[in-house]
């Protein structure tokens, strides 16, 4: 069965929420994940590292930067029969309250 990655983006400032609000949101995600074939993962808050090759040299920089409006907040890996099936499985994902979800099929090389 094909695998699909759900890339969850968000511009929500979760740091401004109370601990109770975060716990309520996390409970919604946990409940939704229980129906998936594989668990989702939350990415760590804070910085990332970006690698770029320029003039034959690798440059490493920190990010994401404050001017970024949306950034990847997490991902899920699911199995589905088709893109349409993946969309149906994702329709009730609680992340849609905070930002878009990009669905990409994983190449079965």
PDB file of N, CA and C in Angstrom:
ATOM      1  N   UNK A   1       0.855  -1.175   0.000  1.00  0.00           N
ATOM      2  CA  UNK A   1       0.000   0.000   0.000  1.00  0.00           C
ATOM      3  C   UNK A   1       0.904   1.242   0.000  1.00  0.00           C
ATOM      4  N   UNK A   2       0.584   2.240  -0.819  1.00  0.00           N
ATOM      5  CA  UNK A   2       1.402   3.460  -0.876  1.00  0.00           C
ATOM      6  C   UNK A   2       1.424   4.197   0.464  1.00  0.00           C
ATOM      7  N   UNK A   3       2.542   4.875   0.718  1.00  0.00           N
ATOM      8  CA  UNK A   3       2.686   5.705   1.911  1.00  0.00           C
ATOM      9  C   UNK A   3       2.617   7.168   1.505  1.00  0.00           C
ATOM     10  N   UNK A   4       2.074   7.965   2.399  1.00  0.00           N
ATOM     11  CA  UNK A   4       1.943   9.401   2.170  1.00  0.00           C
ATOM     12  C   UNK A   4       2.461  10.147   3.391  1.00  0.00           C
ATOM     13  N   UNK A   5       3.175  11.231   3.140  1.00  0.00           N
ATOM     14  CA  UNK A   5       3.623  12.097   4.215  1.00  0.00           C
ATOM     15  C   UNK A   5       2.696  13.297   4.266  1.00  0.00           C
ATOM     16  N   UNK A   6       2.198  13.585   5.459  1.00  0.00           N
ATOM     17  CA  UNK A   6       1.380  14.772   5.675  1.00  0.00           C
ATOM     18  C   UNK A   6       2.284  15.812   6.322  1.00  0.00           C
ATOM     19  N   UNK A   7       2.619  16.865   5.595  1.00  0.00           N
ATOM     20  CA  UNK A   7       3.472  17.933   6.118  1.00  0.00           C
ATOM     21  C   UNK A   7       2.578  19.028   6.671  1.00  0.00           C
ATOM     22  N   UNK A   8       2.664  19.250   7.959  1.00  0.00           N
ATOM     23  CA  UNK A   8       1.800  20.203   8.662  1.00  0.00           C
ATOM     24  C   UNK A   8       2.536  21.523   8.853  1.00  0.00           C
ATOM     25  N   UNK A   9       2.013  22.583   8.274  1.00  0.00           N
ATOM     26  CA  UNK A   9       2.601  23.910   8.408  1.00  0.00           C
ATOM     27  C   UNK A   9       1.743  24.751   9.333  1.00  0.00           C
ATOM     28  N   UNK A  10       2.369  25.745   9.962  1.00  0.00           N
ATOM     29  CA  UNK A  10       1.612  26.599  10.858  1.00  0.00           C
ATOM     30  C   UNK A  10       2.317  27.924  11.060  1.00  0.00           C
ATOM     31  N   UNK A  11       1.531  28.954  11.286  1.00  0.00           N
ATOM     32  CA  UNK A  11       2.066  30.247  11.700  1.00  0.00           C
ATOM     33  C   UNK A  11       1.540  30.593  13.092  1.00  0.00           C
ATOM     34  N   UNK A  12       0.923  29.611  13.748  1.00  0.00           N
ATOM     35  CA  UNK A  12       0.355  29.805  15.083  1.00  0.00           C
ATOM     36  C   UNK A  12       1.469  29.930  16.114  1.00  0.00           C
ATOM     37  N   UNK A  13       1.342  30.866  17.036  1.00  0.00           N
ATOM     38  CA  UNK A  13       2.301  31.023  18.128  1.00  0.00           C
ATOM     39  C   UNK A  13       1.834  30.171  19.303  1.00  0.00           C
ATOM     40  N   UNK A  14       2.238  28.909  19.297  1.00  0.00           N
ATOM     41  CA  UNK A  14       1.831  28.009  20.372  1.00  0.00           C
ATOM     42  C   UNK A  14       2.446  28.422  21.701  1.00  0.00           C
ATOM     43  N   UNK A  15       3.557  29.147  21.668  1.00  0.00           N
ATOM     44  CA  UNK A  15       4.198  29.618  22.888  1.00  0.00           C
ATOM     45  C   UNK A  15       3.350  30.603  23.674  1.00  0.00           C
ATOM     46  N   UNK A  16       2.374  31.217  23.011  1.00  0.00           N
ATOM     47  CA  UNK A  16       1.504  32.184  23.679  1.00  0.00           C
ATOM     48  C   UNK A  16       0.317  31.501  24.360  1.00  0.00           C
ATOM     49  N   UNK A  17       0.181  30.188  24.195  1.00  0.00           N
ATOM     50  CA  UNK A  17      -0.957  29.464  24.771  1.00  0.00           C
ATOM     51  C   UNK A  17      -0.640  29.005  26.186  1.00  0.00           C
ATOM     52  N   UNK A  18      -1.686  28.787  26.956  1.00  0.00           N
ATOM     53  CA  UNK A  18      -1.512  28.290  28.318  1.00  0.00           C
ATOM     54  C   UNK A  18      -1.214  26.795  28.273  1.00  0.00           C
ATOM     55  N   UNK A  19      -0.722  26.278  29.377  1.00  0.00           N
ATOM     56  CA  UNK A  19      -0.431  24.846  29.465  1.00  0.00           C
ATOM     57  C   UNK A  19      -1.697  24.023  29.265  1.00  0.00           C
ATOM     58  N   UNK A  20      -2.815  24.481  29.802  1.00  0.00           N
ATOM     59  CA  UNK A  20      -4.082  23.761  29.620  1.00  0.00           C
ATOM     60  C   UNK A  20      -4.515  23.747  28.159  1.00  0.00           C
ATOM     61  N   UNK A  21      -4.333  24.865  27.457  1.00  0.00           N
ATOM     62  CA  UNK A  21      -4.676  24.912  26.032  1.00  0.00           C
ATOM     63  C   UNK A  21      -3.809  23.937  25.238  1.00  0.00           C
ATOM     64  N   UNK A  22      -2.524  23.889  25.537  1.00  0.00           N
ATOM     65  CA  UNK A  22      -1.600  22.974  24.846  1.00  0.00           C
ATOM     66  C   UNK A  22      -1.991  21.523  25.130  1.00  0.00           C
ATOM     67  N   UNK A  23      -2.310  21.209  26.371  1.00  0.00           N
ATOM     68  CA  UNK A  23      -2.722  19.833  26.717  1.00  0.00           C
ATOM     69  C   UNK A  23      -3.995  19.437  25.963  1.00  0.00           C
ATOM     70  N   UNK A  24      -4.944  20.354  25.837  1.00  0.00           N
ATOM     71  CA  UNK A  24      -6.194  20.062  25.118  1.00  0.00           C
ATOM     72  C   UNK A  24      -5.910  19.805  23.633  1.00  0.00           C
ATOM     73  N   UNK A  25      -5.033  20.603  23.051  1.00  0.00           N
ATOM     74  CA  UNK A  25      -4.661  20.420  21.639  1.00  0.00           C
ATOM     75  C   UNK A  25      -3.940  19.084  21.467  1.00  0.00           C
ATOM     76  N   UNK A  26      -2.993  18.787  22.351  1.00  0.00           N
ATOM     77  CA  UNK A  26      -2.246  17.529  22.271  1.00  0.00           C
ATOM     78  C   UNK A  26      -3.176  16.329  22.380  1.00  0.00           C
ATOM     79  N   UNK A  27      -4.197  16.417  23.214  1.00  0.00           N
ATOM     80  CA  UNK A  27      -5.162  15.320  23.354  1.00  0.00           C
ATOM     81  C   UNK A  27      -5.911  15.089  22.040  1.00  0.00           C
ATOM     82  N   UNK A  28      -6.258  16.160  21.336  1.00  0.00           N
ATOM     83  CA  UNK A  28      -6.940  16.023  20.040  1.00  0.00           C
ATOM     84  C   UNK A  28      -6.041  15.307  19.030  1.00  0.00           C
ATOM     85  N   UNK A  29      -4.754  15.704  18.992  1.00  0.00           N
ATOM     86  CA  UNK A  29      -3.810  15.058  18.078  1.00  0.00           C
ATOM     87  C   UNK A  29      -3.642  13.577  18.425  1.00  0.00           C
ATOM     88  N   UNK A  30      -3.480  13.269  19.719  1.00  0.00           N
ATOM     89  CA  UNK A  30      -3.314  11.868  20.134  1.00  0.00           C
ATOM     90  C   UNK A  30      -4.516  11.032  19.716  1.00  0.00           C
ATOM     91  N   UNK A  31      -5.710  11.538  19.947  1.00  0.00           N
ATOM     92  CA  UNK A  31      -6.922  10.803  19.580  1.00  0.00           C
ATOM     93  C   UNK A  31      -6.973  10.557  18.079  1.00  0.00           C
ATOM     94  N   UNK A  32      -6.602  11.548  17.292  1.00  0.00           N
ATOM     95  CA  UNK A  32      -6.613  11.392  15.833  1.00  0.00           C
ATOM     96  C   UNK A  32      -5.557  10.391  15.389  1.00  0.00           C
ATOM     97  N   UNK A  33      -4.350  10.478  15.991  1.00  0.00           N
ATOM     98  CA  UNK A  33      -3.248   9.585  15.612  1.00  0.00           C
ATOM     99  C   UNK A  33      -3.559   8.128  15.868  1.00  0.00           C
ATOM    100  N   UNK A  34      -4.359   7.820  16.867  1.00  0.00           N
ATOM    101  CA  UNK A  34      -4.663   6.423  17.188  1.00  0.00           C
ATOM    102  C   UNK A  34      -5.304   5.691  16.016  1.00  0.00           C
ATOM    103  N   UNK A  35      -5.898   6.428  15.090  1.00  0.00           N
ATOM    104  CA  UNK A  35      -6.539   5.811  13.931  1.00  0.00           C
ATOM    105  C   UNK A  35      -5.601   5.654  12.745  1.00  0.00           C
ATOM    106  N   UNK A  36      -4.362   6.103  12.873  1.00  0.00           N
ATOM    107  CA  UNK A  36      -3.420   6.017  11.760  1.00  0.00           C
ATOM    108  C   UNK A  36      -2.593   4.744  11.839  1.00  0.00           C
ATOM    109  N   UNK A  37      -2.013   4.376  10.686  1.00  0.00           N
ATOM    110  CA  UNK A  37      -1.193   3.162  10.641  1.00  0.00           C
ATOM    111  C   UNK A  37       0.200   3.387  11.241  1.00  0.00           C
ATOM    112  N   UNK A  38       0.634   4.634  11.348  1.00  0.00           N
ATOM    113  CA  UNK A  38       1.931   4.953  11.940  1.00  0.00           C
ATOM    114  C   UNK A  38       1.804   6.286  12.664  1.00  0.00           C
ATOM    115  N   UNK A  39       2.523   6.473  13.771  1.00  0.00           N
ATOM    116  CA  UNK A  39       2.360   7.702  14.552  1.00  0.00           C
ATOM    117  C   UNK A  39       2.964   8.923  13.868  1.00  0.00           C
ATOM    118  N   UNK A  40       2.432  10.076  14.207  1.00  0.00           N
ATOM    119  CA  UNK A  40       3.002  11.330  13.753  1.00  0.00           C
ATOM    120  C   UNK A  40       4.052  11.801  14.735  1.00  0.00           C
ATOM    121  N   UNK A  41       4.787  12.786  14.355  1.00  0.00           N
ATOM    122  CA  UNK A  41       5.838  13.327  15.199  1.00  0.00           C
ATOM    123  C   UNK A  41       5.729  14.837  15.242  1.00  0.00           C
ATOM    124  N   UNK A  42       6.002  15.417  16.397  1.00  0.00           N
ATOM    125  CA  UNK A  42       6.076  16.867  16.523  1.00  0.00           C
ATOM    126  C   UNK A  42       7.547  17.239  16.419  1.00  0.00           C
ATOM    127  N   UNK A  43       7.836  18.279  15.671  1.00  0.00           N
ATOM    128  CA  UNK A  43       9.204  18.751  15.576  1.00  0.00           C
ATOM    129  C   UNK A  43       9.526  19.620  16.781  1.00  0.00           C
ATOM    130  N   UNK A  44      10.789  19.653  17.175  1.00  0.00           N
ATOM    131  CA  UNK A  44      11.219  20.478  18.309  1.00  0.00           C
ATOM    132  C   UNK A  44      11.039  21.951  17.977  1.00  0.00           C
ATOM    133  N   UNK A  45      10.646  22.718  18.990  1.00  0.00           N
ATOM    134  CA  UNK A  45      10.565  24.163  18.827  1.00  0.00           C
ATOM    135  C   UNK A  45      11.971  24.728  18.781  1.00  0.00           C
ATOM    136  N   UNK A  46      12.117  25.880  18.173  1.00  0.00           N
ATOM    137  CA  UNK A  46      13.428  26.521  18.131  1.00  0.00           C
ATOM    138  C   UNK A  46      14.008  26.526  16.746  1.00  0.00           C
ATOM    139  N   UNK A  47      15.304  26.433  16.698  1.00  0.00           N
ATOM    140  CA  UNK A  47      15.984  26.620  15.421  1.00  0.00           C
ATOM    141  C   UNK A  47      16.151  25.320  14.652  1.00  0.00           C
ATOM    142  N   UNK A  48      16.432  25.495  13.387  1.00  0.00           N
ATOM    143  CA  UNK A  48      16.764  24.396  12.488  1.00  0.00           C
ATOM    144  C   UNK A  48      18.088  24.770  11.832  1.00  0.00           C
ATOM    145  N   UNK A  49      18.610  23.921  11.008  1.00  0.00           N
ATOM    146  CA  UNK A  49      19.821  24.228  10.241  1.00  0.00           C
ATOM    147  C   UNK A  49      19.474  24.061   8.768  1.00  0.00           C
ATOM    148  N   UNK A  50      19.878  25.045   7.983  1.00  0.00           N
ATOM    149  CA  UNK A  50      19.669  25.014   6.540  1.00  0.00           C
ATOM    150  C   UNK A  50      21.025  24.866   5.871  1.00  0.00           C
ATOM    151  N   UNK A  51      21.120  23.936   4.944  1.00  0.00           N
ATOM    152  CA  UNK A  51      22.345  23.751   4.178  1.00  0.00           C
ATOM    153  C   UNK A  51      22.096  24.170   2.752  1.00  0.00           C
ATOM    154  N   UNK A  52      23.020  24.966   2.225  1.00  0.00           N
ATOM    155  CA  UNK A  52      22.959  25.401   0.834  1.00  0.00           C
ATOM    156  C   UNK A  52      24.355  25.274   0.237  1.00  0.00           C
ATOM    157  N   UNK A  53      24.383  24.915  -1.034  1.00  0.00           N
ATOM    158  CA  UNK A  53      25.657  24.827  -1.732  1.00  0.00           C
ATOM    159  C   UNK A  53      25.771  26.018  -2.649  1.00  0.00           C
ATOM    160  N   UNK A  54      26.859  26.763  -2.507  1.00  0.00           N
ATOM    161  CA  UNK A  54      27.091  27.941  -3.323  1.00  0.00           C
ATOM    162  C   UNK A  54      28.567  28.015  -3.665  1.00  0.00           C
ATOM    163  N   UNK A  55      28.862  28.164  -4.936  1.00  0.00           N
ATOM    164  CA  UNK A  55      30.251  28.234  -5.403  1.00  0.00           C
ATOM    165  C   UNK A  55      31.066  27.040  -4.926  1.00  0.00           C
ATOM    166  N   UNK A  56      30.442  25.873  -4.896  1.00  0.00           N
ATOM    167  CA  UNK A  56      31.144  24.658  -4.519  1.00  0.00           C
ATOM    168  C   UNK A  56      31.329  24.465  -3.020  1.00  0.00           C
ATOM    169  N   UNK A  57      30.842  25.384  -2.209  1.00  0.00           N
ATOM    170  CA  UNK A  57      31.002  25.276  -0.761  1.00  0.00           C
ATOM    171  C   UNK A  57      29.627  25.118  -0.107  1.00  0.00           C
ATOM    172  N   UNK A  58      29.615  24.392   0.985  1.00  0.00           N
ATOM    173  CA  UNK A  58      28.387  24.193   1.750  1.00  0.00           C
ATOM    174  C   UNK A  58      28.308  25.281   2.822  1.00  0.00           C
ATOM    175  N   UNK A  59      27.199  26.007   2.819  1.00  0.00           N
ATOM    176  CA  UNK A  59      26.960  27.026   3.840  1.00  0.00           C
ATOM    177  C   UNK A  59      25.865  26.514   4.766  1.00  0.00           C
ATOM    178  N   UNK A  60      26.084  26.656   6.070  1.00  0.00           N
ATOM    179  CA  UNK A  60      25.113  26.234   7.077  1.00  0.00           C
ATOM    180  C   UNK A  60      24.621  27.483   7.796  1.00  0.00           C
ATOM    181  N   UNK A  61      23.298  27.628   7.861  1.00  0.00           N
ATOM    182  CA  UNK A  61      22.747  28.787   8.567  1.00  0.00           C
ATOM    183  C   UNK A  61      21.629  28.332   9.493  1.00  0.00           C
ATOM    184  N   UNK A  62      21.328  29.145  10.490  1.00  0.00           N
ATOM    185  CA  UNK A  62      20.255  28.867  11.436  1.00  0.00           C
ATOM    186  C   UNK A  62      18.924  29.314  10.866  1.00  0.00           C
ATOM    187  N   UNK A  63      17.870  28.822  11.432  1.00  0.00           N
ATOM    188  CA  UNK A  63      16.524  29.227  11.049  1.00  0.00           C
ATOM    189  C   UNK A  63      15.544  28.476  11.909  1.00  0.00           C
ATOM    190  N   UNK A  64      14.262  28.518  11.715  1.00  0.00           N
ATOM    191  CA  UNK A  64      13.610  29.448  10.799  1.00  0.00           C
ATOM    192  C   UNK A  64      13.662  30.865  11.348  1.00  0.00           C
ATOM    193  N   UNK A  65      13.492  31.815  10.483  1.00  0.00           N
ATOM    194  CA  UNK A  65      13.641  33.213  10.851  1.00  0.00           C
ATOM    195  C   UNK A  65      12.303  33.853  11.129  1.00  0.00           C
ATOM    196  N   UNK A  66      12.317  34.931  11.883  1.00  0.00           N
ATOM    197  CA  UNK A  66      11.083  35.599  12.314  1.00  0.00           C
ATOM    198  C   UNK A  66      10.214  36.035  11.134  1.00  0.00           C
ATOM    199  N   UNK A  67      10.825  36.374   9.989  1.00  0.00           N
ATOM    200  CA  UNK A  67      10.021  36.831   8.862  1.00  0.00           C
ATOM    201  C   UNK A  67       9.300  35.684   8.146  1.00  0.00           C
ATOM    202  N   UNK A  68       9.579  34.436   8.546  1.00  0.00           N
ATOM    203  CA  UNK A  68       8.875  33.306   7.974  1.00  0.00           C
ATOM    204  C   UNK A  68       7.445  33.302   8.494  1.00  0.00           C
ATOM    205  N   UNK A  69       6.473  33.298   7.589  1.00  0.00           N
ATOM    206  CA  UNK A  69       5.070  33.324   8.008  1.00  0.00           C
ATOM    207  C   UNK A  69       4.575  31.936   8.387  1.00  0.00           C
ATOM    208  N   UNK A  70       4.991  30.931   7.636  1.00  0.00           N
ATOM    209  CA  UNK A  70       4.605  29.560   7.938  1.00  0.00           C
ATOM    210  C   UNK A  70       5.843  28.687   7.919  1.00  0.00           C
ATOM    211  N   UNK A  71       5.876  27.734   8.830  1.00  0.00           N
ATOM    212  CA  UNK A  71       6.979  26.778   8.828  1.00  0.00           C
ATOM    213  C   UNK A  71       6.418  25.393   9.106  1.00  0.00           C
ATOM    214  N   UNK A  72       7.189  24.377   8.765  1.00  0.00           N
ATOM    215  CA  UNK A  72       6.765  23.010   9.015  1.00  0.00           C
ATOM    216  C   UNK A  72       6.707  22.801  10.520  1.00  0.00           C
ATOM    217  N   UNK A  73       5.561  22.362  11.014  1.00  0.00           N
ATOM    218  CA  UNK A  73       5.363  22.177  12.449  1.00  0.00           C
ATOM    219  C   UNK A  73       5.429  20.703  12.843  1.00  0.00           C
ATOM    220  N   UNK A  74       5.232  19.818  11.893  1.00  0.00           N
ATOM    221  CA  UNK A  74       5.268  18.390  12.183  1.00  0.00           C
ATOM    222  C   UNK A  74       4.872  17.596  10.951  1.00  0.00           C
ATOM    223  N   UNK A  75       4.832  16.283  11.122  1.00  0.00           N
ATOM    224  CA  UNK A  75       4.467  15.441   9.996  1.00  0.00           C
ATOM    225  C   UNK A  75       3.827  14.153  10.493  1.00  0.00           C
ATOM    226  N   UNK A  76       3.116  13.513   9.610  1.00  0.00           N
ATOM    227  CA  UNK A  76       2.563  12.195   9.838  1.00  0.00           C
ATOM    228  C   UNK A  76       2.878  11.346   8.621  1.00  0.00           C
ATOM    229  N   UNK A  77       3.115  10.073   8.826  1.00  0.00           N
ATOM    230  CA  UNK A  77       3.237   9.123   7.730  1.00  0.00           C
ATOM    231  C   UNK A  77       2.013   8.223   7.805  1.00  0.00           C
ATOM    232  N   UNK A  78       1.309   8.116   6.690  1.00  0.00           N
ATOM    233  CA  UNK A  78       0.121   7.265   6.654  1.00  0.00           C
ATOM    234  C   UNK A  78       0.204   6.327   5.457  1.00  0.00           C
ATOM    235  N   UNK A  79      -0.583   5.284   5.500  1.00  0.00           N
ATOM    236  CA  UNK A  79      -0.752   4.406   4.352  1.00  0.00           C
ATOM    237  C   UNK A  79      -2.162   4.612   3.831  1.00  0.00           C
ATOM    238  N   UNK A  80      -2.275   4.709   2.511  1.00  0.00           N
ATOM    239  CA  UNK A  80      -3.577   4.911   1.879  1.00  0.00           C
ATOM    240  C   UNK A  80      -3.548   4.288   0.489  1.00  0.00           C
ATOM    241  N   UNK A  81      -4.717   3.940  -0.003  1.00  0.00           N
ATOM    242  CA  UNK A  81      -4.826   3.318  -1.327  1.00  0.00           C
ATOM    243  C   UNK A  81      -4.528   4.295  -2.461  1.00  0.00           C
ATOM    244  N   UNK A  82      -4.781   5.589  -2.231  1.00  0.00           N
ATOM    245  CA  UNK A  82      -4.644   6.595  -3.276  1.00  0.00           C
ATOM    246  C   UNK A  82      -4.573   7.976  -2.623  1.00  0.00           C
ATOM    247  N   UNK A  83      -4.319   9.005  -3.445  1.00  0.00           N
ATOM    248  CA  UNK A  83      -4.369  10.376  -2.922  1.00  0.00           C
ATOM    249  C   UNK A  83      -5.752  10.682  -2.356  1.00  0.00           C
ATOM    250  N   UNK A  84      -6.793  10.259  -3.050  1.00  0.00           N
ATOM    251  CA  UNK A  84      -8.155  10.513  -2.564  1.00  0.00           C
ATOM    252  C   UNK A  84      -8.370   9.884  -1.188  1.00  0.00           C
ATOM    253  N   UNK A  85      -7.865   8.672  -1.012  1.00  0.00           N
ATOM    254  CA  UNK A  85      -7.984   7.999   0.282  1.00  0.00           C
ATOM    255  C   UNK A  85      -7.176   8.755   1.343  1.00  0.00           C
ATOM    256  N   UNK A  86      -5.978   9.228   0.981  1.00  0.00           N
ATOM    257  CA  UNK A  86      -5.151   9.999   1.916  1.00  0.00           C
ATOM    258  C   UNK A  86      -5.874  11.283   2.337  1.00  0.00           C
ATOM    259  N   UNK A  87      -6.536  11.931   1.392  1.00  0.00           N
ATOM    260  CA  UNK A  87      -7.306  13.143   1.709  1.00  0.00           C
ATOM    261  C   UNK A  87      -8.423  12.800   2.693  1.00  0.00           C
ATOM    262  N   UNK A  88      -9.121  11.702   2.456  1.00  0.00           N
ATOM    263  CA  UNK A  88     -10.207  11.304   3.362  1.00  0.00           C
ATOM    264  C   UNK A  88      -9.688  11.038   4.766  1.00  0.00           C
ATOM    265  N   UNK A  89      -8.526  10.377   4.878  1.00  0.00           N
ATOM    266  CA  UNK A  89      -7.951  10.086   6.193  1.00  0.00           C
ATOM    267  C   UNK A  89      -7.500  11.359   6.915  1.00  0.00           C
ATOM    268  N   UNK A  90      -7.202  12.404   6.153  1.00  0.00           N
ATOM    269  CA  UNK A  90      -6.656  13.638   6.711  1.00  0.00           C
ATOM    270  C   UNK A  90      -7.730  14.678   7.009  1.00  0.00           C
ATOM    271  N   UNK A  91      -8.893  14.523   6.442  1.00  0.00           N
ATOM    272  CA  UNK A  91      -9.974  15.509   6.549  1.00  0.00           C
ATOM    273  C   UNK A  91     -10.311  15.951   7.965  1.00  0.00           C
ATOM    274  N   UNK A  92     -10.194  15.060   8.929  1.00  0.00           N
ATOM    275  CA  UNK A  92     -10.557  15.419  10.300  1.00  0.00           C
ATOM    276  C   UNK A  92      -9.332  15.602  11.202  1.00  0.00           C
ATOM    277  N   UNK A  93      -8.178  15.834  10.606  1.00  0.00           N
ATOM    278  CA  UNK A  93      -6.954  16.060  11.389  1.00  0.00           C
ATOM    279  C   UNK A  93      -7.079  17.385  12.146  1.00  0.00           C
ATOM    280  N   UNK A  94      -6.818  17.389  13.448  1.00  0.00           N
ATOM    281  CA  UNK A  94      -6.950  18.618  14.226  1.00  0.00           C
ATOM    282  C   UNK A  94      -5.981  19.714  13.802  1.00  0.00           C
ATOM    283  N   UNK A  95      -4.925  19.370  13.092  1.00  0.00           N
ATOM    284  CA  UNK A  95      -3.968  20.389  12.677  1.00  0.00           C
ATOM    285  C   UNK A  95      -4.594  21.420  11.737  1.00  0.00           C
ATOM    286  N   UNK A  96      -5.632  21.047  11.023  1.00  0.00           N
ATOM    287  CA  UNK A  96      -6.264  21.973  10.086  1.00  0.00           C
ATOM    288  C   UNK A  96      -6.797  23.228  10.775  1.00  0.00           C
ATOM    289  N   UNK A  97      -6.937  23.193  12.109  1.00  0.00           N
ATOM    290  CA  UNK A  97      -7.323  24.388  12.857  1.00  0.00           C
ATOM    291  C   UNK A  97      -6.175  25.407  12.932  1.00  0.00           C
ATOM    292  N   UNK A  98      -4.940  24.957  12.681  1.00  0.00           N
ATOM    293  CA  UNK A  98      -3.762  25.800  12.863  1.00  0.00           C
ATOM    294  C   UNK A  98      -3.006  26.111  11.580  1.00  0.00           C
ATOM    295  N   UNK A  99      -3.269  25.371  10.520  1.00  0.00           N
ATOM    296  CA  UNK A  99      -2.569  25.620   9.270  1.00  0.00           C
ATOM    297  C   UNK A  99      -2.823  24.521   8.257  1.00  0.00           C
ATOM    298  N   UNK A 100      -2.243  24.685   7.076  1.00  0.00           N
ATOM    299  CA  UNK A 100      -2.472  23.720   5.996  1.00  0.00           C
ATOM    300  C   UNK A 100      -1.683  22.434   6.182  1.00  0.00           C
ATOM    301  N   UNK A 101      -2.121  21.411   5.467  1.00  0.00           N
ATOM    302  CA  UNK A 101      -1.430  20.125   5.430  1.00  0.00           C
ATOM    303  C   UNK A 101      -1.157  19.799   3.976  1.00  0.00           C
ATOM    304  N   UNK A 102       0.098  19.570   3.662  1.00  0.00           N
ATOM    305  CA  UNK A 102       0.483  19.137   2.305  1.00  0.00           C
ATOM    306  C   UNK A 102       0.595  17.624   2.323  1.00  0.00           C
ATOM    307  N   UNK A 103      -0.030  16.972   1.364  1.00  0.00           N
ATOM    308  CA  UNK A 103       0.026  15.505   1.258  1.00  0.00           C
ATOM    309  C   UNK A 103       0.944  15.144   0.099  1.00  0.00           C
ATOM    310  N   UNK A 104       1.986  14.365   0.395  1.00  0.00           N
ATOM    311  CA  UNK A 104       2.941  13.937  -0.632  1.00  0.00           C
ATOM    312  C   UNK A 104       3.091  12.419  -0.579  1.00  0.00           C
ATOM    313  N   UNK A 105       3.012  11.771  -1.725  1.00  0.00           N
ATOM    314  CA  UNK A 105       3.230  10.330  -1.776  1.00  0.00           C
ATOM    315  C   UNK A 105       4.721  10.050  -1.649  1.00  0.00           C
ATOM    316  N   UNK A 106       5.050   9.036  -0.866  1.00  0.00           N
ATOM    317  CA  UNK A 106       6.444   8.631  -0.685  1.00  0.00           C
ATOM    318  C   UNK A 106       6.821   7.711  -1.838  1.00  0.00           C
ATOM    319  N   UNK A 107       7.931   7.996  -2.476  1.00  0.00           N
ATOM    320  CA  UNK A 107       8.399   7.197  -3.609  1.00  0.00           C
ATOM    321  C   UNK A 107       8.820   5.823  -3.128  1.00  0.00           C
ATOM    322  N   UNK A 108       8.323   4.800  -3.756  1.00  0.00           N
ATOM    323  CA  UNK A 108       8.627   3.412  -3.374  1.00  0.00           C
ATOM    324  C   UNK A 108       9.761   2.871  -4.244  1.00  0.00           C
ATOM    325  N   UNK A 109      10.927   3.467  -4.118  1.00  0.00           N
ATOM    326  CA  UNK A 109      12.077   3.080  -4.933  1.00  0.00           C
ATOM    327  C   UNK A 109      12.577   1.719  -4.554  1.00  0.00           C
TER     328      UNK A 109
END
